[in-house]
Amino acid sequence: MLGLRLAAIVIAALTLMAACADPEAEADEHFDLGVAHQEAEELEEAISEFSAVIRLEPDRHEAYYNRGIVNANAGNFRTAIDDFDAAIALKPDFADAFHNRALTWGNLDQGWRAVADFESATTLDPSLAKAHVAKGATLINLSQLSQAIESLDRALLLEPDNPGAYAIRAVAHAIVSNDAMSDADIARAIELGYNATSLQADVDRIRQARGN
């Protein structure tokens, strides 16, 4: 039994030495583990694995990006911003990094910074419908209604069956008293599976606040 245990220890040591001799392979292993923990919502473990990748390969933009997403999901918004900053510095045409940094700015109540990043994301990738939708929602919060509707229009040109885009645009139309267009958007959102009760309640509150 002792001989078998010693043999196992030697094999493990040789495996570790082989991994250390190939930092790229070791970084890939940590990255794959990070993704697995991320998918399992094991956030601390995922952060640890992506940090290990960065120690081995400081120029790996995907590791900063993924760690940024995990930090944002963990509520570490400022740290997530730093990670997205690093990813963008390494890959300035990374549209998804701009998109996710924009979402993180939104969680920090930095609406205009979020809008700027959504615009960068859609400039780099005009087909990024989710960024147009999120920009529209952010502009509603900033009381920029015409710009919000324009952004949501663009999103729906790209994804005509996006129920969330119709629902958000219904709210924007309700705020500016375009009730017929709001009702049409509600109907289409519901047709596509959006929660009818929640959406209609939101629009009804807006109309009551307007006095209609």
C-alpha atoms as a PDB file:
ATOM      1  CA  MET A   1       0.000   0.000   0.000  1.00  0.00           C
ATOM      2  CA  LEU A   2       2.834   2.396   0.892  1.00  0.00           C
ATOM      3  CA  GLY A   3       4.521   1.749  -2.439  1.00  0.00           C
ATOM      4  CA  LEU A   4       1.286   2.501  -4.304  1.00  0.00           C
ATOM      5  CA  ARG A   5       0.807   5.772  -2.404  1.00  0.00           C
ATOM      6  CA  LEU A   6       4.373   6.859  -3.129  1.00  0.00           C
ATOM      7  CA  ALA A   7       3.839   6.033  -6.786  1.00  0.00           C
ATOM      8  CA  ALA A   8       0.666   8.154  -6.833  1.00  0.00           C
ATOM      9  CA  ILE A   9       2.505  11.090  -5.235  1.00  0.00           C
ATOM     10  CA  VAL A  10       5.292  10.843  -7.778  1.00  0.00           C
ATOM     11  CA  ILE A  11       2.810  10.794 -10.665  1.00  0.00           C
ATOM     12  CA  ALA A  12       0.980  13.840  -9.247  1.00  0.00           C
ATOM     13  CA  ALA A  13       4.272  15.684  -8.849  1.00  0.00           C
ATOM     14  CA  LEU A  14       5.287  14.888 -12.407  1.00  0.00           C
ATOM     15  CA  THR A  15       1.891  16.111 -13.655  1.00  0.00           C
ATOM     16  CA  LEU A  16       2.297  19.365 -11.734  1.00  0.00           C
ATOM     17  CA  MET A  17       5.816  19.835 -13.085  1.00  0.00           C
ATOM     18  CA  ALA A  18       4.561  19.287 -16.621  1.00  0.00           C
ATOM     19  CA  ALA A  19       1.832  21.888 -16.118  1.00  0.00           C
ATOM     20  CA  CYS A  20       4.298  24.386 -14.676  1.00  0.00           C
ATOM     21  CA  ALA A  21       6.569  23.819 -17.656  1.00  0.00           C
ATOM     22  CA  ASP A  22       3.765  24.908 -19.965  1.00  0.00           C
ATOM     23  CA  PRO A  23       2.218  28.126 -18.566  1.00  0.00           C
ATOM     24  CA  GLU A  24      -0.155  28.431 -21.522  1.00  0.00           C
ATOM     25  CA  ALA A  25      -1.604  24.972 -20.862  1.00  0.00           C
ATOM     26  CA  GLU A  26      -1.882  25.783 -17.158  1.00  0.00           C
ATOM     27  CA  ALA A  27      -3.640  29.067 -17.987  1.00  0.00           C
ATOM     28  CA  ASP A  28      -6.043  27.235 -20.291  1.00  0.00           C
ATOM     29  CA  GLU A  29      -6.840  24.782 -17.510  1.00  0.00           C
ATOM     30  CA  HIS A  30      -7.573  27.595 -15.043  1.00  0.00           C
ATOM     31  CA  PHE A  31      -9.684  29.375 -17.656  1.00  0.00           C
ATOM     32  CA  ASP A  32     -11.782  26.265 -18.324  1.00  0.00           C
ATOM     33  CA  LEU A  33     -12.252  25.775 -14.575  1.00  0.00           C
ATOM     34  CA  GLY A  34     -13.257  29.417 -14.255  1.00  0.00           C
ATOM     35  CA  VAL A  35     -15.899  29.025 -16.950  1.00  0.00           C
ATOM     36  CA  ALA A  36     -17.214  25.867 -15.269  1.00  0.00           C
ATOM     37  CA  HIS A  37     -17.490  27.648 -11.900  1.00  0.00           C
ATOM     38  CA  GLN A  38     -19.069  30.652 -13.625  1.00  0.00           C
ATOM     39  CA  GLU A  39     -21.736  28.466 -15.235  1.00  0.00           C
ATOM     40  CA  ALA A  40     -22.377  26.799 -11.875  1.00  0.00           C
ATOM     41  CA  GLU A  41     -22.723  30.263 -10.256  1.00  0.00           C
ATOM     42  CA  GLU A  42     -19.791  29.512  -7.958  1.00  0.00           C
ATOM     43  CA  LEU A  43     -18.623  33.081  -8.090  1.00  0.00           C
ATOM     44  CA  GLU A  44     -15.713  33.149  -5.640  1.00  0.00           C
ATOM     45  CA  GLU A  45     -14.205  30.046  -7.227  1.00  0.00           C
ATOM     46  CA  ALA A  46     -14.631  31.506 -10.711  1.00  0.00           C
ATOM     47  CA  ILE A  47     -12.928  34.767  -9.685  1.00  0.00           C
ATOM     48  CA  SER A  48     -10.034  32.773  -8.217  1.00  0.00           C
ATOM     49  CA  GLU A  49      -9.555  30.765 -11.410  1.00  0.00           C
ATOM     50  CA  PHE A  50      -9.708  33.776 -13.733  1.00  0.00           C
ATOM     51  CA  SER A  51      -7.251  35.581 -11.445  1.00  0.00           C
ATOM     52  CA  ALA A  52      -4.896  32.618 -11.823  1.00  0.00           C
ATOM     53  CA  VAL A  53      -5.153  32.948 -15.605  1.00  0.00           C
ATOM     54  CA  ILE A  54      -4.277  36.650 -15.378  1.00  0.00           C
ATOM     55  CA  ARG A  55      -1.242  35.934 -13.206  1.00  0.00           C
ATOM     56  CA  LEU A  56       0.011  33.505 -15.843  1.00  0.00           C
ATOM     57  CA  GLU A  57      -1.061  35.495 -18.914  1.00  0.00           C
ATOM     58  CA  PRO A  58      -1.548  39.193 -18.022  1.00  0.00           C
ATOM     59  CA  ASP A  59      -2.492  40.019 -21.623  1.00  0.00           C
ATOM     60  CA  ARG A  60      -5.403  37.584 -21.883  1.00  0.00           C
ATOM     61  CA  HIS A  61      -8.383  39.856 -22.396  1.00  0.00           C
ATOM     62  CA  GLU A  62     -10.946  37.055 -22.091  1.00  0.00           C
ATOM     63  CA  ALA A  63      -9.897  36.402 -18.492  1.00  0.00           C
ATOM     64  CA  TYR A  64     -10.432  40.027 -17.480  1.00  0.00           C
ATOM     65  CA  TYR A  65     -13.754  40.058 -19.330  1.00  0.00           C
ATOM     66  CA  ASN A  66     -15.070  36.900 -17.709  1.00  0.00           C
ATOM     67  CA  ARG A  67     -13.837  37.987 -14.293  1.00  0.00           C
ATOM     68  CA  GLY A  68     -15.621  41.297 -14.858  1.00  0.00           C
ATOM     69  CA  ILE A  69     -18.895  39.504 -15.524  1.00  0.00           C
ATOM     70  CA  VAL A  70     -18.480  37.363 -12.404  1.00  0.00           C
ATOM     71  CA  ASN A  71     -17.567  40.391 -10.270  1.00  0.00           C
ATOM     72  CA  ALA A  72     -20.627  42.239 -11.566  1.00  0.00           C
ATOM     73  CA  ASN A  73     -22.854  39.245 -10.774  1.00  0.00           C
ATOM     74  CA  ALA A  74     -21.322  39.183  -7.288  1.00  0.00           C
ATOM     75  CA  GLY A  75     -22.178  42.872  -6.805  1.00  0.00           C
ATOM     76  CA  ASN A  76     -18.534  43.951  -6.997  1.00  0.00           C
ATOM     77  CA  PHE A  77     -19.374  46.662  -9.500  1.00  0.00           C
ATOM     78  CA  ARG A  78     -16.310  48.880  -9.146  1.00  0.00           C
ATOM     79  CA  THR A  79     -14.006  45.896  -9.430  1.00  0.00           C
ATOM     80  CA  ALA A  80     -15.970  44.735 -12.465  1.00  0.00           C
ATOM     81  CA  ILE A  81     -15.432  48.144 -14.092  1.00  0.00           C
ATOM     82  CA  ASP A  82     -11.678  47.735 -13.577  1.00  0.00           C
ATOM     83  CA  ASP A  83     -11.813  44.315 -15.221  1.00  0.00           C
ATOM     84  CA  PHE A  84     -13.765  45.585 -18.222  1.00  0.00           C
ATOM     85  CA  ASP A  85     -11.360  48.532 -18.488  1.00  0.00           C
ATOM     86  CA  ALA A  86      -8.473  46.058 -18.711  1.00  0.00           C
ATOM     87  CA  ALA A  87     -10.249  43.892 -21.285  1.00  0.00           C
ATOM     88  CA  ILE A  88     -11.001  46.938 -23.453  1.00  0.00           C
ATOM     89  CA  ALA A  89      -7.445  48.253 -23.128  1.00  0.00           C
ATOM     90  CA  LEU A  90      -6.184  44.918 -24.450  1.00  0.00           C
ATOM     91  CA  LYS A  91      -8.897  44.601 -27.127  1.00  0.00           C
ATOM     92  CA  PRO A  92     -10.361  48.006 -28.039  1.00  0.00           C
ATOM     93  CA  ASP A  93     -12.846  46.516 -30.533  1.00  0.00           C
ATOM     94  CA  PHE A  94     -14.448  44.228 -27.911  1.00  0.00           C
ATOM     95  CA  ALA A  95     -18.115  45.200 -28.285  1.00  0.00           C
ATOM     96  CA  ASP A  96     -19.390  42.836 -25.577  1.00  0.00           C
ATOM     97  CA  ALA A  97     -16.946  44.310 -23.064  1.00  0.00           C
ATOM     98  CA  PHE A  98     -18.344  47.783 -23.730  1.00  0.00           C
ATOM     99  CA  HIS A  99     -21.881  46.372 -23.423  1.00  0.00           C
ATOM    100  CA  ASN A 100     -21.210  44.709 -20.077  1.00  0.00           C
ATOM    101  CA  ARG A 101     -19.327  47.717 -18.748  1.00  0.00           C
ATOM    102  CA  ALA A 102     -22.369  49.792 -19.672  1.00  0.00           C
ATOM    103  CA  LEU A 103     -24.640  47.456 -17.708  1.00  0.00           C
ATOM    104  CA  THR A 104     -22.280  47.754 -14.752  1.00  0.00           C
ATOM    105  CA  TRP A 105     -22.298  51.572 -14.963  1.00  0.00           C
ATOM    106  CA  GLY A 106     -26.085  51.298 -14.807  1.00  0.00           C
ATOM    107  CA  ASN A 107     -25.835  49.412 -11.532  1.00  0.00           C
ATOM    108  CA  LEU A 108     -23.693  52.268 -10.223  1.00  0.00           C
ATOM    109  CA  ASP A 109     -26.334  54.848 -11.268  1.00  0.00           C
ATOM    110  CA  GLN A 110     -23.985  56.240 -13.916  1.00  0.00           C
ATOM    111  CA  GLY A 111     -26.581  56.429 -16.688  1.00  0.00           C
ATOM    112  CA  TRP A 112     -24.722  58.688 -19.091  1.00  0.00           C
ATOM    113  CA  ARG A 113     -21.562  56.614 -18.838  1.00  0.00           C
ATOM    114  CA  ALA A 114     -23.696  53.579 -19.586  1.00  0.00           C
ATOM    115  CA  VAL A 115     -25.191  55.265 -22.653  1.00  0.00           C
ATOM    116  CA  ALA A 116     -21.712  56.156 -23.932  1.00  0.00           C
ATOM    117  CA  ASP A 117     -20.604  52.537 -23.605  1.00  0.00           C
ATOM    118  CA  PHE A 118     -23.764  51.201 -25.260  1.00  0.00           C
ATOM    119  CA  GLU A 119     -23.065  53.564 -28.157  1.00  0.00           C
ATOM    120  CA  SER A 120     -19.487  52.276 -28.388  1.00  0.00           C
ATOM    121  CA  ALA A 121     -20.767  48.704 -28.371  1.00  0.00           C
ATOM    122  CA  THR A 122     -23.272  49.311 -31.161  1.00  0.00           C
ATOM    123  CA  THR A 123     -20.736  51.275 -33.210  1.00  0.00           C
ATOM    124  CA  LEU A 124     -18.359  48.327 -33.037  1.00  0.00           C
ATOM    125  CA  ASP A 125     -21.149  45.808 -33.642  1.00  0.00           C
ATOM    126  CA  PRO A 126     -24.285  47.414 -35.149  1.00  0.00           C
ATOM    127  CA  SER A 127     -26.077  44.053 -34.960  1.00  0.00           C
ATOM    128  CA  LEU A 128     -25.800  43.901 -31.147  1.00  0.00           C
ATOM    129  CA  ALA A 129     -29.528  44.165 -30.476  1.00  0.00           C
ATOM    130  CA  LYS A 130     -29.209  43.652 -26.715  1.00  0.00           C
ATOM    131  CA  ALA A 131     -27.127  46.836 -26.471  1.00  0.00           C
ATOM    132  CA  HIS A 132     -29.779  48.827 -28.342  1.00  0.00           C
ATOM    133  CA  VAL A 133     -32.438  47.470 -25.954  1.00  0.00           C
ATOM    134  CA  ALA A 134     -30.421  48.243 -22.830  1.00  0.00           C
ATOM    135  CA  LYS A 135     -29.553  51.694 -24.147  1.00  0.00           C
ATOM    136  CA  GLY A 136     -33.252  52.349 -24.700  1.00  0.00           C
ATOM    137  CA  ALA A 137     -34.102  51.336 -21.149  1.00  0.00           C
ATOM    138  CA  THR A 138     -31.304  53.520 -19.781  1.00  0.00           C
ATOM    139  CA  LEU A 139     -32.454  56.520 -21.812  1.00  0.00           C
ATOM    140  CA  ILE A 140     -35.972  56.140 -20.402  1.00  0.00           C
ATOM    141  CA  ASN A 141     -34.481  56.411 -16.908  1.00  0.00           C
ATOM    142  CA  LEU A 142     -32.682  59.554 -18.069  1.00  0.00           C
ATOM    143  CA  SER A 143     -35.979  60.988 -19.436  1.00  0.00           C
ATOM    144  CA  GLN A 144     -34.628  60.952 -23.000  1.00  0.00           C
ATOM    145  CA  LEU A 145     -37.780  59.462 -24.453  1.00  0.00           C
ATOM    146  CA  SER A 146     -37.416  60.138 -28.176  1.00  0.00           C
ATOM    147  CA  GLN A 147     -33.863  58.765 -28.148  1.00  0.00           C
ATOM    148  CA  ALA A 148     -35.043  55.758 -26.151  1.00  0.00           C
ATOM    149  CA  ILE A 149     -37.759  54.954 -28.691  1.00  0.00           C
ATOM    150  CA  GLU A 150     -35.258  55.349 -31.531  1.00  0.00           C
ATOM    151  CA  SER A 151     -32.882  52.894 -29.877  1.00  0.00           C
ATOM    152  CA  LEU A 152     -35.656  50.375 -29.307  1.00  0.00           C
ATOM    153  CA  ASP A 153     -36.798  50.789 -32.917  1.00  0.00           C
ATOM    154  CA  ARG A 154     -33.296  49.818 -34.020  1.00  0.00           C
ATOM    155  CA  ALA A 155     -33.307  46.807 -31.726  1.00  0.00           C
ATOM    156  CA  LEU A 156     -36.592  45.604 -33.199  1.00  0.00           C
ATOM    157  CA  LEU A 157     -35.324  45.996 -36.745  1.00  0.00           C
ATOM    158  CA  LEU A 158     -32.578  43.563 -35.745  1.00  0.00           C
ATOM    159  CA  GLU A 159     -34.764  41.262 -33.642  1.00  0.00           C
ATOM    160  CA  PRO A 160     -38.432  41.653 -34.600  1.00  0.00           C
ATOM    161  CA  ASP A 161     -39.466  38.974 -32.080  1.00  0.00           C
ATOM    162  CA  ASN A 162     -37.810  40.461 -28.996  1.00  0.00           C
ATOM    163  CA  PRO A 163     -40.593  40.701 -26.388  1.00  0.00           C
ATOM    164  CA  GLY A 164     -38.515  42.757 -23.960  1.00  0.00           C
ATOM    165  CA  ALA A 165     -37.885  45.449 -26.570  1.00  0.00           C
ATOM    166  CA  TYR A 166     -41.618  45.771 -27.243  1.00  0.00           C
ATOM    167  CA  ALA A 167     -42.359  45.924 -23.519  1.00  0.00           C
ATOM    168  CA  ILE A 168     -39.802  48.651 -22.861  1.00  0.00           C
ATOM    169  CA  ARG A 169     -40.937  50.629 -25.891  1.00  0.00           C
ATOM    170  CA  ALA A 170     -44.538  50.315 -24.663  1.00  0.00           C
ATOM    171  CA  VAL A 171     -43.467  52.057 -21.460  1.00  0.00           C
ATOM    172  CA  ALA A 172     -41.684  54.819 -23.387  1.00  0.00           C
ATOM    173  CA  HIS A 173     -44.731  55.391 -25.607  1.00  0.00           C
ATOM    174  CA  ALA A 174     -46.972  55.515 -22.532  1.00  0.00           C
ATOM    175  CA  ILE A 175     -44.813  58.183 -20.902  1.00  0.00           C
ATOM    176  CA  VAL A 176     -45.075  60.437 -23.986  1.00  0.00           C
ATOM    177  CA  SER A 177     -48.835  59.739 -24.298  1.00  0.00           C
ATOM    178  CA  ASN A 178     -48.612  57.639 -27.477  1.00  0.00           C
ATOM    179  CA  ASP A 179     -51.251  55.314 -26.056  1.00  0.00           C
ATOM    180  CA  ALA A 180     -52.226  53.612 -29.312  1.00  0.00           C
ATOM    181  CA  MET A 181     -48.592  52.725 -30.010  1.00  0.00           C
ATOM    182  CA  SER A 182     -48.119  51.682 -26.401  1.00  0.00           C
ATOM    183  CA  ASP A 183     -51.125  49.347 -26.604  1.00  0.00           C
ATOM    184  CA  ALA A 184     -49.835  47.865 -29.868  1.00  0.00           C
ATOM    185  CA  ASP A 185     -46.464  47.186 -28.273  1.00  0.00           C
ATOM    186  CA  ILE A 186     -48.098  45.616 -25.222  1.00  0.00           C
ATOM    187  CA  ALA A 187     -50.153  43.328 -27.452  1.00  0.00           C
ATOM    188  CA  ARG A 188     -47.071  42.245 -29.406  1.00  0.00           C
ATOM    189  CA  ALA A 189     -45.008  41.714 -26.253  1.00  0.00           C
ATOM    190  CA  ILE A 190     -47.757  39.548 -24.771  1.00  0.00           C
ATOM    191  CA  GLU A 191     -48.064  37.621 -28.029  1.00  0.00           C
ATOM    192  CA  LEU A 192     -44.340  36.846 -27.761  1.00  0.00           C
ATOM    193  CA  GLY A 193     -44.679  35.601 -24.186  1.00  0.00           C
ATOM    194  CA  TYR A 194     -44.029  38.663 -22.018  1.00  0.00           C
ATOM    195  CA  ASN A 195     -45.741  38.845 -18.599  1.00  0.00           C
ATOM    196  CA  ALA A 196     -49.021  40.592 -19.414  1.00  0.00           C
ATOM    197  CA  THR A 197     -49.974  41.428 -15.841  1.00  0.00           C
ATOM    198  CA  SER A 198     -46.684  43.090 -14.963  1.00  0.00           C
ATOM    199  CA  LEU A 199     -46.429  45.086 -18.185  1.00  0.00           C
ATOM    200  CA  GLN A 200     -50.006  46.312 -18.145  1.00  0.00           C
ATOM    201  CA  ALA A 201     -49.682  47.320 -14.487  1.00  0.00           C
ATOM    202  CA  ASP A 202     -46.573  49.372 -15.282  1.00  0.00           C
ATOM    203  CA  VAL A 203     -48.298  51.169 -18.157  1.00  0.00           C
ATOM    204  CA  ASP A 204     -51.466  51.744 -16.097  1.00  0.00           C
ATOM    205  CA  ARG A 205     -49.403  53.400 -13.349  1.00  0.00           C
ATOM    206  CA  ILE A 206     -47.810  55.691 -15.918  1.00  0.00           C
ATOM    207  CA  ARG A 207     -51.192  56.683 -17.324  1.00  0.00           C
ATOM    208  CA  GLN A 208     -52.584  57.322 -13.860  1.00  0.00           C
ATOM    209  CA  ALA A 209     -49.620  59.542 -13.072  1.00  0.00           C
ATOM    210  CA  ARG A 210     -50.370  61.471 -16.259  1.00  0.00           C
ATOM    211  CA  GLY A 211     -53.970  61.835 -15.196  1.00  0.00           C
ATOM    212  CA  ASN A 212     -55.378  59.599 -17.956  1.00  0.00           C
END
